Amino acid sequence: MTLPPKALTLAVLSTVSLSGGAIAAPYPPEVVSRFTSECTTALQQQVPQMAQYSNAYCTCVINELQSSLSLAEFQAIGESVQANVTSEVRQMLTNTAQTCLQRVTQ
């Protein structure tokens, strides 16, 4: 499945802004649950052709973020997404989106 990376990145960005490898320090269950729920909803609305993959995709994304970012870093991205996202953060989120897209659509 070929989807525009921008659409997937936007879905991830909008979810990170809403949500407040091996997982080094798991996020609290309520953070994971909220992210997954909001990500799934955003993905189904923004990229309808991904609806069948939305839960697996969003679970992949939160697992990848947990392995890459501390909870404080994750929350800081959520706070800064609406105002200003650095190119480094945008690239990390794009890479995460692409990795998870490949995993769930194979």
PDB file of N, CA and C in Angstrom:
ATOM      1  N   MET A   1       0.849  -1.170   0.000  1.00  0.00           N
ATOM      2  CA  MET A   1       0.000   0.000   0.000  1.00  0.00           C
ATOM      3  C   MET A   1       0.891   1.228   0.000  1.00  0.00           C
ATOM      4  N   THR A   2       0.606   2.154  -0.907  1.00  0.00           N
ATOM      5  CA  THR A   2       1.368   3.380  -0.972  1.00  0.00           C
ATOM      6  C   THR A   2       0.483   4.528  -0.520  1.00  0.00           C
ATOM      7  N   LEU A   3       0.891   5.169   0.544  1.00  0.00           N
ATOM      8  CA  LEU A   3       0.179   6.323   1.059  1.00  0.00           C
ATOM      9  C   LEU A   3       1.145   7.472   1.184  1.00  0.00           C
ATOM     10  N   PRO A   4       0.663   8.675   1.081  1.00  0.00           N
ATOM     11  CA  PRO A   4       1.559   9.806   1.231  1.00  0.00           C
ATOM     12  C   PRO A   4       2.103   9.869   2.651  1.00  0.00           C
ATOM     13  N   PRO A   5       3.438   9.903   2.814  1.00  0.00           N
ATOM     14  CA  PRO A   5       4.010   9.955   4.155  1.00  0.00           C
ATOM     15  C   PRO A   5       3.501  11.144   4.953  1.00  0.00           C
ATOM     16  N   LYS A   6       3.203  12.236   4.272  1.00  0.00           N
ATOM     17  CA  LYS A   6       2.715  13.421   4.970  1.00  0.00           C
ATOM     18  C   LYS A   6       1.406  13.132   5.689  1.00  0.00           C
ATOM     19  N   ALA A   7       0.514  12.386   5.063  1.00  0.00           N
ATOM     20  CA  ALA A   7      -0.772  12.067   5.690  1.00  0.00           C
ATOM     21  C   ALA A   7      -0.567  11.251   6.960  1.00  0.00           C
ATOM     22  N   LEU A   8       0.321  10.280   6.904  1.00  0.00           N
ATOM     23  CA  LEU A   8       0.585   9.452   8.079  1.00  0.00           C
ATOM     24  C   LEU A   8       1.283  10.258   9.166  1.00  0.00           C
ATOM     25  N   THR A   9       2.218  11.112   8.758  1.00  0.00           N
ATOM     26  CA  THR A   9       2.912  11.952   9.730  1.00  0.00           C
ATOM     27  C   THR A   9       1.930  12.895  10.397  1.00  0.00           C
ATOM     28  N   LEU A  10       1.013  13.471   9.625  1.00  0.00           N
ATOM     29  CA  LEU A  10       0.014  14.362  10.207  1.00  0.00           C
ATOM     30  C   LEU A  10      -0.870  13.630  11.197  1.00  0.00           C
ATOM     31  N   ALA A  11      -1.220  12.399  10.898  1.00  0.00           N
ATOM     32  CA  ALA A  11      -2.031  11.617  11.829  1.00  0.00           C
ATOM     33  C   ALA A  11      -1.270  11.390  13.130  1.00  0.00           C
ATOM     34  N   VAL A  12       0.008  11.067  13.022  1.00  0.00           N
ATOM     35  CA  VAL A  12       0.833  10.866  14.218  1.00  0.00           C
ATOM     36  C   VAL A  12       0.978  12.174  14.971  1.00  0.00           C
ATOM     37  N   LEU A  13       1.283  13.265  14.261  1.00  0.00           N
ATOM     38  CA  LEU A  13       1.459  14.564  14.914  1.00  0.00           C
ATOM     39  C   LEU A  13       0.193  14.999  15.634  1.00  0.00           C
ATOM     40  N   SER A  14      -0.947  14.851  14.987  1.00  0.00           N
ATOM     41  CA  SER A  14      -2.184  15.288  15.630  1.00  0.00           C
ATOM     42  C   SER A  14      -2.475  14.447  16.862  1.00  0.00           C
ATOM     43  N   THR A  15      -2.129  13.183  16.833  1.00  0.00           N
ATOM     44  CA  THR A  15      -2.360  12.319  17.981  1.00  0.00           C
ATOM     45  C   THR A  15      -1.403  12.631  19.112  1.00  0.00           C
ATOM     46  N   VAL A  16      -0.135  12.865  18.782  1.00  0.00           N
ATOM     47  CA  VAL A  16       0.827  13.222  19.826  1.00  0.00           C
ATOM     48  C   VAL A  16       0.390  14.509  20.496  1.00  0.00           C
ATOM     49  N   SER A  17      -0.123  15.440  19.731  1.00  0.00           N
ATOM     50  CA  SER A  17      -0.534  16.710  20.317  1.00  0.00           C
ATOM     51  C   SER A  17      -1.757  16.541  21.217  1.00  0.00           C
ATOM     52  N   LEU A  18      -2.569  15.528  20.949  1.00  0.00           N
ATOM     53  CA  LEU A  18      -3.745  15.297  21.764  1.00  0.00           C
ATOM     54  C   LEU A  18      -3.438  14.467  23.003  1.00  0.00           C
ATOM     55  N   SER A  19      -2.440  13.650  22.938  1.00  0.00           N
ATOM     56  CA  SER A  19      -2.246  12.648  23.972  1.00  0.00           C
ATOM     57  C   SER A  19      -1.490  13.168  25.181  1.00  0.00           C
ATOM     58  N   GLY A  20      -1.175  14.357  25.159  1.00  0.00           N
ATOM     59  CA  GLY A  20      -0.436  14.685  26.350  1.00  0.00           C
ATOM     60  C   GLY A  20       0.791  13.651  26.421  1.00  0.00           C
ATOM     61  N   GLY A  21      11.906  -1.520  18.814  1.00  0.00           N
ATOM     62  CA  GLY A  21      12.834  -2.228  19.657  1.00  0.00           C
ATOM     63  C   GLY A  21      12.226  -2.611  20.980  1.00  0.00           C
ATOM     64  N   ALA A  22      12.864  -2.658  21.981  1.00  0.00           N
ATOM     65  CA  ALA A  22      12.378  -2.956  23.320  1.00  0.00           C
ATOM     66  C   ALA A  22      11.964  -1.655  23.975  1.00  0.00           C
ATOM     67  N   ILE A  23      10.937  -1.729  24.757  1.00  0.00           N
ATOM     68  CA  ILE A  23      10.457  -0.554  25.451  1.00  0.00           C
ATOM     69  C   ILE A  23      11.266  -0.394  26.724  1.00  0.00           C
ATOM     70  N   ALA A  24      12.056   0.677  26.770  1.00  0.00           N
ATOM     71  CA  ALA A  24      12.945   0.907  27.903  1.00  0.00           C
ATOM     72  C   ALA A  24      12.164   1.260  29.165  1.00  0.00           C
ATOM     73  N   ALA A  25      11.240   2.203  29.047  1.00  0.00           N
ATOM     74  CA  ALA A  25      10.430   2.622  30.181  1.00  0.00           C
ATOM     75  C   ALA A  25       9.007   2.804  29.682  1.00  0.00           C
ATOM     76  N   PRO A  26       8.179   1.794  29.864  1.00  0.00           N
ATOM     77  CA  PRO A  26       6.810   1.877  29.344  1.00  0.00           C
ATOM     78  C   PRO A  26       6.073   3.102  29.883  1.00  0.00           C
ATOM     79  N   TYR A  27       5.264   3.688  29.020  1.00  0.00           N
ATOM     80  CA  TYR A  27       4.417   4.799  29.437  1.00  0.00           C
ATOM     81  C   TYR A  27       3.282   4.227  30.289  1.00  0.00           C
ATOM     82  N   PRO A  28       2.675   5.063  31.124  1.00  0.00           N
ATOM     83  CA  PRO A  28       1.526   4.583  31.909  1.00  0.00           C
ATOM     84  C   PRO A  28       0.426   4.051  30.979  1.00  0.00           C
ATOM     85  N   PRO A  29      -0.275   3.014  31.411  1.00  0.00           N
ATOM     86  CA  PRO A  29      -1.302   2.408  30.555  1.00  0.00           C
ATOM     87  C   PRO A  29      -2.322   3.415  30.022  1.00  0.00           C
ATOM     88  N   GLU A  30      -2.684   4.406  30.841  1.00  0.00           N
ATOM     89  CA  GLU A  30      -3.680   5.381  30.385  1.00  0.00           C
ATOM     90  C   GLU A  30      -3.145   6.256  29.248  1.00  0.00           C
ATOM     91  N   VAL A  31      -1.831   6.513  29.228  1.00  0.00           N
ATOM     92  CA  VAL A  31      -1.218   7.287  28.145  1.00  0.00           C
ATOM     93  C   VAL A  31      -1.241   6.462  26.861  1.00  0.00           C
ATOM     94  N   VAL A  32      -0.868   5.200  26.974  1.00  0.00           N
ATOM     95  CA  VAL A  32      -0.855   4.300  25.812  1.00  0.00           C
ATOM     96  C   VAL A  32      -2.270   4.133  25.269  1.00  0.00           C
ATOM     97  N   SER A  33      -3.231   3.902  26.150  1.00  0.00           N
ATOM     98  CA  SER A  33      -4.614   3.698  25.736  1.00  0.00           C
ATOM     99  C   SER A  33      -5.176   4.945  25.052  1.00  0.00           C
ATOM    100  N   ARG A  34      -4.930   6.094  25.625  1.00  0.00           N
ATOM    101  CA  ARG A  34      -5.439   7.344  25.036  1.00  0.00           C
ATOM    102  C   ARG A  34      -4.796   7.593  23.675  1.00  0.00           C
ATOM    103  N   PHE A  35      -3.472   7.423  23.612  1.00  0.00           N
ATOM    104  CA  PHE A  35      -2.786   7.630  22.336  1.00  0.00           C
ATOM    105  C   PHE A  35      -3.353   6.692  21.271  1.00  0.00           C
ATOM    106  N   THR A  36      -3.453   5.409  21.594  1.00  0.00           N
ATOM    107  CA  THR A  36      -3.927   4.426  20.625  1.00  0.00           C
ATOM    108  C   THR A  36      -5.341   4.747  20.163  1.00  0.00           C
ATOM    109  N   SER A  37      -6.205   5.102  21.079  1.00  0.00           N
ATOM    110  CA  SER A  37      -7.585   5.439  20.738  1.00  0.00           C
ATOM    111  C   SER A  37      -7.648   6.681  19.850  1.00  0.00           C
ATOM    112  N   GLU A  38      -6.935   7.738  20.230  1.00  0.00           N
ATOM    113  CA  GLU A  38      -6.971   8.979  19.460  1.00  0.00           C
ATOM    114  C   GLU A  38      -6.260   8.826  18.118  1.00  0.00           C
ATOM    115  N   CYS A  39      -5.197   8.060  18.093  1.00  0.00           N
ATOM    116  CA  CYS A  39      -4.486   7.792  16.852  1.00  0.00           C
ATOM    117  C   CYS A  39      -5.379   7.030  15.887  1.00  0.00           C
ATOM    118  N   THR A  40      -6.057   6.004  16.392  1.00  0.00           N
ATOM    119  CA  THR A  40      -6.949   5.198  15.555  1.00  0.00           C
ATOM    120  C   THR A  40      -8.053   6.068  14.953  1.00  0.00           C
ATOM    121  N   THR A  41      -8.658   6.902  15.760  1.00  0.00           N
ATOM    122  CA  THR A  41      -9.714   7.787  15.284  1.00  0.00           C
ATOM    123  C   THR A  41      -9.172   8.765  14.245  1.00  0.00           C
ATOM    124  N   ALA A  42      -8.035   9.392  14.546  1.00  0.00           N
ATOM    125  CA  ALA A  42      -7.442  10.357  13.615  1.00  0.00           C
ATOM    126  C   ALA A  42      -7.071   9.689  12.298  1.00  0.00           C
ATOM    127  N   LEU A  43      -6.505   8.514  12.371  1.00  0.00           N
ATOM    128  CA  LEU A  43      -6.101   7.804  11.156  1.00  0.00           C
ATOM    129  C   LEU A  43      -7.311   7.437  10.302  1.00  0.00           C
ATOM    130  N   GLN A  44      -8.359   6.957  10.928  1.00  0.00           N
ATOM    131  CA  GLN A  44      -9.560   6.592  10.183  1.00  0.00           C
ATOM    132  C   GLN A  44     -10.195   7.810   9.518  1.00  0.00           C
ATOM    133  N   GLN A  45     -10.104   8.966  10.159  1.00  0.00           N
ATOM    134  CA  GLN A  45     -10.680  10.184   9.595  1.00  0.00           C
ATOM    135  C   GLN A  45      -9.777  10.802   8.529  1.00  0.00           C
ATOM    136  N   GLN A  46      -8.470  10.811   8.773  1.00  0.00           N
ATOM    137  CA  GLN A  46      -7.535  11.495   7.884  1.00  0.00           C
ATOM    138  C   GLN A  46      -7.039  10.627   6.737  1.00  0.00           C
ATOM    139  N   VAL A  47      -6.975   9.316   6.961  1.00  0.00           N
ATOM    140  CA  VAL A  47      -6.473   8.392   5.938  1.00  0.00           C
ATOM    141  C   VAL A  47      -7.414   7.172   5.918  1.00  0.00           C
ATOM    142  N   PRO A  48      -8.617   7.353   5.369  1.00  0.00           N
ATOM    143  CA  PRO A  48      -9.620   6.274   5.423  1.00  0.00           C
ATOM    144  C   PRO A  48      -9.150   4.941   4.858  1.00  0.00           C
ATOM    145  N   GLN A  49      -8.254   4.961   3.881  1.00  0.00           N
ATOM    146  CA  GLN A  49      -7.777   3.696   3.309  1.00  0.00           C
ATOM    147  C   GLN A  49      -6.921   2.903   4.300  1.00  0.00           C
ATOM    148  N   MET A  50      -6.573   3.506   5.426  1.00  0.00           N
ATOM    149  CA  MET A  50      -5.810   2.810   6.466  1.00  0.00           C
ATOM    150  C   MET A  50      -6.701   2.259   7.580  1.00  0.00           C
ATOM    151  N   ALA A  51      -8.008   2.415   7.469  1.00  0.00           N
ATOM    152  CA  ALA A  51      -8.920   2.037   8.554  1.00  0.00           C
ATOM    153  C   ALA A  51      -8.703   0.600   9.038  1.00  0.00           C
ATOM    154  N   GLN A  52      -8.509  -0.323   8.111  1.00  0.00           N
ATOM    155  CA  GLN A  52      -8.345  -1.728   8.511  1.00  0.00           C
ATOM    156  C   GLN A  52      -7.047  -1.979   9.265  1.00  0.00           C
ATOM    157  N   TYR A  53      -6.078  -1.076   9.118  1.00  0.00           N
ATOM    158  CA  TYR A  53      -4.782  -1.235   9.781  1.00  0.00           C
ATOM    159  C   TYR A  53      -4.623  -0.309  10.988  1.00  0.00           C
ATOM    160  N   SER A  54      -5.619   0.509  11.263  1.00  0.00           N
ATOM    161  CA  SER A  54      -5.434   1.601  12.214  1.00  0.00           C
ATOM    162  C   SER A  54      -5.003   1.144  13.611  1.00  0.00           C
ATOM    163  N   ASN A  55      -5.620   0.117  14.163  1.00  0.00           N
ATOM    164  CA  ASN A  55      -5.244  -0.304  15.509  1.00  0.00           C
ATOM    165  C   ASN A  55      -3.816  -0.854  15.545  1.00  0.00           C
ATOM    166  N   ALA A  56      -3.478  -1.711  14.588  1.00  0.00           N
ATOM    167  CA  ALA A  56      -2.117  -2.271  14.547  1.00  0.00           C
ATOM    168  C   ALA A  56      -1.088  -1.171  14.303  1.00  0.00           C
ATOM    169  N   TYR A  57      -1.412  -0.252  13.405  1.00  0.00           N
ATOM    170  CA  TYR A  57      -0.503   0.854  13.094  1.00  0.00           C
ATOM    171  C   TYR A  57      -0.271   1.724  14.326  1.00  0.00           C
ATOM    172  N   CYS A  58      -1.337   2.113  15.001  1.00  0.00           N
ATOM    173  CA  CYS A  58      -1.208   3.000  16.159  1.00  0.00           C
ATOM    174  C   CYS A  58      -0.501   2.312  17.327  1.00  0.00           C
ATOM    175  N   THR A  59      -0.731   1.017  17.482  1.00  0.00           N
ATOM    176  CA  THR A  59      -0.007   0.262  18.507  1.00  0.00           C
ATOM    177  C   THR A  59       1.480   0.236  18.183  1.00  0.00           C
ATOM    178  N   CYS A  60       1.810   0.036  16.918  1.00  0.00           N
ATOM    179  CA  CYS A  60       3.208   0.070  16.487  1.00  0.00           C
ATOM    180  C   CYS A  60       3.830   1.425  16.783  1.00  0.00           C
ATOM    181  N   VAL A  61       3.120   2.491  16.442  1.00  0.00           N
ATOM    182  CA  VAL A  61       3.653   3.845  16.650  1.00  0.00           C
ATOM    183  C   VAL A  61       3.941   4.095  18.119  1.00  0.00           C
ATOM    184  N   ILE A  62       2.999   3.784  19.012  1.00  0.00           N
ATOM    185  CA  ILE A  62       3.235   4.063  20.432  1.00  0.00           C
ATOM    186  C   ILE A  62       4.371   3.196  20.969  1.00  0.00           C
ATOM    187  N   ASN A  63       4.489   1.962  20.487  1.00  0.00           N
ATOM    188  CA  ASN A  63       5.608   1.123  20.915  1.00  0.00           C
ATOM    189  C   ASN A  63       6.937   1.695  20.445  1.00  0.00           C
ATOM    190  N   GLU A  64       6.981   2.174  19.210  1.00  0.00           N
ATOM    191  CA  GLU A  64       8.203   2.793  18.690  1.00  0.00           C
ATOM    192  C   GLU A  64       8.548   4.058  19.470  1.00  0.00           C
ATOM    193  N   LEU A  65       7.551   4.871  19.762  1.00  0.00           N
ATOM    194  CA  LEU A  65       7.804   6.100  20.515  1.00  0.00           C
ATOM    195  C   LEU A  65       8.312   5.784  21.920  1.00  0.00           C
ATOM    196  N   GLN A  66       7.747   4.751  22.542  1.00  0.00           N
ATOM    197  CA  GLN A  66       8.207   4.366  23.882  1.00  0.00           C
ATOM    198  C   GLN A  66       9.658   3.896  23.871  1.00  0.00           C
ATOM    199  N   SER A  67      10.070   3.285  22.765  1.00  0.00           N
ATOM    200  CA  SER A  67      11.449   2.806  22.705  1.00  0.00           C
ATOM    201  C   SER A  67      12.417   3.927  22.339  1.00  0.00           C
ATOM    202  N   SER A  68      11.882   5.040  21.837  1.00  0.00           N
ATOM    203  CA  SER A  68      12.735   6.146  21.396  1.00  0.00           C
ATOM    204  C   SER A  68      12.718   7.341  22.338  1.00  0.00           C
ATOM    205  N   LEU A  69      11.629   7.529  23.046  1.00  0.00           N
ATOM    206  CA  LEU A  69      11.434   8.740  23.847  1.00  0.00           C
ATOM    207  C   LEU A  69      11.023   8.412  25.273  1.00  0.00           C
ATOM    208  N   SER A  70      11.555   9.163  26.207  1.00  0.00           N
ATOM    209  CA  SER A  70      11.057   9.055  27.577  1.00  0.00           C
ATOM    210  C   SER A  70       9.647   9.644  27.609  1.00  0.00           C
ATOM    211  N   LEU A  71       8.916   9.378  28.668  1.00  0.00           N
ATOM    212  CA  LEU A  71       7.580   9.938  28.796  1.00  0.00           C
ATOM    213  C   LEU A  71       7.645  11.468  28.764  1.00  0.00           C
ATOM    214  N   ALA A  72       8.623  12.044  29.434  1.00  0.00           N
ATOM    215  CA  ALA A  72       8.763  13.509  29.450  1.00  0.00           C
ATOM    216  C   ALA A  72       9.013  14.058  28.035  1.00  0.00           C
ATOM    217  N   GLU A  73       9.844  13.362  27.254  1.00  0.00           N
ATOM    218  CA  GLU A  73      10.094  13.791  25.875  1.00  0.00           C
ATOM    219  C   GLU A  73       8.834  13.674  25.024  1.00  0.00           C
ATOM    220  N   PHE A  74       8.117  12.577  25.203  1.00  0.00           N
ATOM    221  CA  PHE A  74       6.864  12.351  24.482  1.00  0.00           C
ATOM    222  C   PHE A  74       5.866  13.467  24.797  1.00  0.00           C
ATOM    223  N   GLN A  75       5.732  13.792  26.075  1.00  0.00           N
ATOM    224  CA  GLN A  75       4.806  14.843  26.480  1.00  0.00           C
ATOM    225  C   GLN A  75       5.262  16.207  25.974  1.00  0.00           C
ATOM    226  N   ALA A  76       6.568  16.448  25.956  1.00  0.00           N
ATOM    227  CA  ALA A  76       7.087  17.722  25.456  1.00  0.00           C
ATOM    228  C   ALA A  76       6.785  17.891  23.972  1.00  0.00           C
ATOM    229  N   ILE A  77       6.888  16.801  23.214  1.00  0.00           N
ATOM    230  CA  ILE A  77       6.542  16.869  21.790  1.00  0.00           C
ATOM    231  C   ILE A  77       5.067  17.201  21.650  1.00  0.00           C
ATOM    232  N   GLY A  78       4.241  16.571  22.452  1.00  0.00           N
ATOM    233  CA  GLY A  78       2.810  16.851  22.409  1.00  0.00           C
ATOM    234  C   GLY A  78       2.500  18.308  22.697  1.00  0.00           C
ATOM    235  N   GLU A  79       3.250  18.900  23.602  1.00  0.00           N
ATOM    236  CA  GLU A  79       3.033  20.303  23.936  1.00  0.00           C
ATOM    237  C   GLU A  79       3.546  21.236  22.848  1.00  0.00           C
ATOM    238  N   SER A  80       4.619  20.840  22.152  1.00  0.00           N
ATOM    239  CA  SER A  80       5.217  21.737  21.163  1.00  0.00           C
ATOM    240  C   SER A  80       4.689  21.524  19.755  1.00  0.00           C
ATOM    241  N   VAL A  81       3.985  20.414  19.519  1.00  0.00           N
ATOM    242  CA  VAL A  81       3.531  20.096  18.167  1.00  0.00           C
ATOM    243  C   VAL A  81       2.667  21.209  17.597  1.00  0.00           C
ATOM    244  N   GLN A  82       1.779  21.726  18.397  1.00  0.00           N
ATOM    245  CA  GLN A  82       0.874  22.736  17.869  1.00  0.00           C
ATOM    246  C   GLN A  82       1.601  24.029  17.546  1.00  0.00           C
ATOM    247  N   ALA A  83       2.651  24.353  18.255  1.00  0.00           N
ATOM    248  CA  ALA A  83       3.354  25.616  18.034  1.00  0.00           C
ATOM    249  C   ALA A  83       4.495  25.469  17.034  1.00  0.00           C
ATOM    250  N   ASN A  84       5.371  24.494  17.269  1.00  0.00           N
ATOM    251  CA  ASN A  84       6.573  24.408  16.456  1.00  0.00           C
ATOM    252  C   ASN A  84       7.212  23.032  16.641  1.00  0.00           C
ATOM    253  N   VAL A  85       7.376  22.333  15.549  1.00  0.00           N
ATOM    254  CA  VAL A  85       8.038  21.032  15.580  1.00  0.00           C
ATOM    255  C   VAL A  85       9.372  21.183  14.864  1.00  0.00           C
ATOM    256  N   THR A  86      10.441  20.774  15.526  1.00  0.00           N
ATOM    257  CA  THR A  86      11.751  20.860  14.885  1.00  0.00           C
ATOM    258  C   THR A  86      11.825  19.859  13.746  1.00  0.00           C
ATOM    259  N   SER A  87      12.720  20.109  12.821  1.00  0.00           N
ATOM    260  CA  SER A  87      12.881  19.190  11.690  1.00  0.00           C
ATOM    261  C   SER A  87      13.344  17.823  12.174  1.00  0.00           C
ATOM    262  N   GLU A  88      14.131  17.782  13.240  1.00  0.00           N
ATOM    263  CA  GLU A  88      14.598  16.509  13.800  1.00  0.00           C
ATOM    264  C   GLU A  88      13.424  15.682  14.332  1.00  0.00           C
ATOM    265  N   VAL A  89      12.532  16.322  15.065  1.00  0.00           N
ATOM    266  CA  VAL A  89      11.361  15.625  15.604  1.00  0.00           C
ATOM    267  C   VAL A  89      10.446  15.197  14.465  1.00  0.00           C
ATOM    268  N   ARG A  90      10.215  16.082  13.502  1.00  0.00           N
ATOM    269  CA  ARG A  90       9.358  15.734  12.362  1.00  0.00           C
ATOM    270  C   ARG A  90       9.936  14.531  11.616  1.00  0.00           C
ATOM    271  N   GLN A  91      11.264  14.486  11.444  1.00  0.00           N
ATOM    272  CA  GLN A  91      11.891  13.363  10.748  1.00  0.00           C
ATOM    273  C   GLN A  91      11.748  12.077  11.550  1.00  0.00           C
ATOM    274  N   MET A  92      11.903  12.141  12.862  1.00  0.00           N
ATOM    275  CA  MET A  92      11.742  10.957  13.710  1.00  0.00           C
ATOM    276  C   MET A  92      10.312  10.431  13.619  1.00  0.00           C
ATOM    277  N   LEU A  93       9.330  11.338  13.643  1.00  0.00           N
ATOM    278  CA  LEU A  93       7.934  10.918  13.541  1.00  0.00           C
ATOM    279  C   LEU A  93       7.623  10.361  12.149  1.00  0.00           C
ATOM    280  N   THR A  94       8.205  10.953  11.120  1.00  0.00           N
ATOM    281  CA  THR A  94       8.027  10.442   9.761  1.00  0.00           C
ATOM    282  C   THR A  94       8.615   9.050   9.635  1.00  0.00           C
ATOM    283  N   ASN A  95       9.809   8.852  10.172  1.00  0.00           N
ATOM    284  CA  ASN A  95      10.449   7.532  10.132  1.00  0.00           C
ATOM    285  C   ASN A  95       9.609   6.499  10.886  1.00  0.00           C
ATOM    286  N   THR A  96       9.080   6.895  12.037  1.00  0.00           N
ATOM    287  CA  THR A  96       8.223   5.996  12.815  1.00  0.00           C
ATOM    288  C   THR A  96       6.984   5.631  12.016  1.00  0.00           C
ATOM    289  N   ALA A  97       6.354   6.625  11.394  1.00  0.00           N
ATOM    290  CA  ALA A  97       5.156   6.371  10.586  1.00  0.00           C
ATOM    291  C   ALA A  97       5.458   5.409   9.445  1.00  0.00           C
ATOM    292  N   GLN A  98       6.565   5.622   8.767  1.00  0.00           N
ATOM    293  CA  GLN A  98       6.927   4.764   7.637  1.00  0.00           C
ATOM    294  C   GLN A  98       7.262   3.345   8.092  1.00  0.00           C
ATOM    295  N   THR A  99       7.996   3.217   9.191  1.00  0.00           N
ATOM    296  CA  THR A  99       8.333   1.903   9.732  1.00  0.00           C
ATOM    297  C   THR A  99       7.064   1.119  10.066  1.00  0.00           C
ATOM    298  N   CYS A 100       6.137   1.775  10.749  1.00  0.00           N
ATOM    299  CA  CYS A 100       4.911   1.092  11.160  1.00  0.00           C
ATOM    300  C   CYS A 100       4.016   0.785   9.970  1.00  0.00           C
ATOM    301  N   LEU A 101       3.977   1.653   8.992  1.00  0.00           N
ATOM    302  CA  LEU A 101       3.191   1.386   7.794  1.00  0.00           C
ATOM    303  C   LEU A 101       3.701   0.110   7.108  1.00  0.00           C
ATOM    304  N   GLN A 102       5.025   0.011   7.001  1.00  0.00           N
ATOM    305  CA  GLN A 102       5.605  -1.191   6.374  1.00  0.00           C
ATOM    306  C   GLN A 102       5.271  -2.437   7.179  1.00  0.00           C
ATOM    307  N   ARG A 103       5.361  -2.357   8.485  1.00  0.00           N
ATOM    308  CA  ARG A 103       5.095  -3.522   9.338  1.00  0.00           C
ATOM    309  C   ARG A 103       3.666  -4.007   9.219  1.00  0.00           C
ATOM    310  N   VAL A 104       2.716  -3.091   9.233  1.00  0.00           N
ATOM    311  CA  VAL A 104       1.314  -3.525   9.279  1.00  0.00           C
ATOM    312  C   VAL A 104       0.728  -3.859   7.918  1.00  0.00           C
ATOM    313  N   THR A 105       1.376  -3.461   6.843  1.00  0.00           N
ATOM    314  CA  THR A 105       0.809  -3.731   5.523  1.00  0.00           C
ATOM    315  C   THR A 105       1.524  -4.833   4.784  1.00  0.00           C
ATOM    316  N   GLN A 106       2.494  -5.488   5.417  1.00  0.00           N
ATOM    317  CA  GLN A 106       3.210  -6.585   4.761  1.00  0.00           C
ATOM    318  C   GLN A 106       2.406  -7.852   4.802  1.00  0.00           C
TER     319      GLN A 106
END
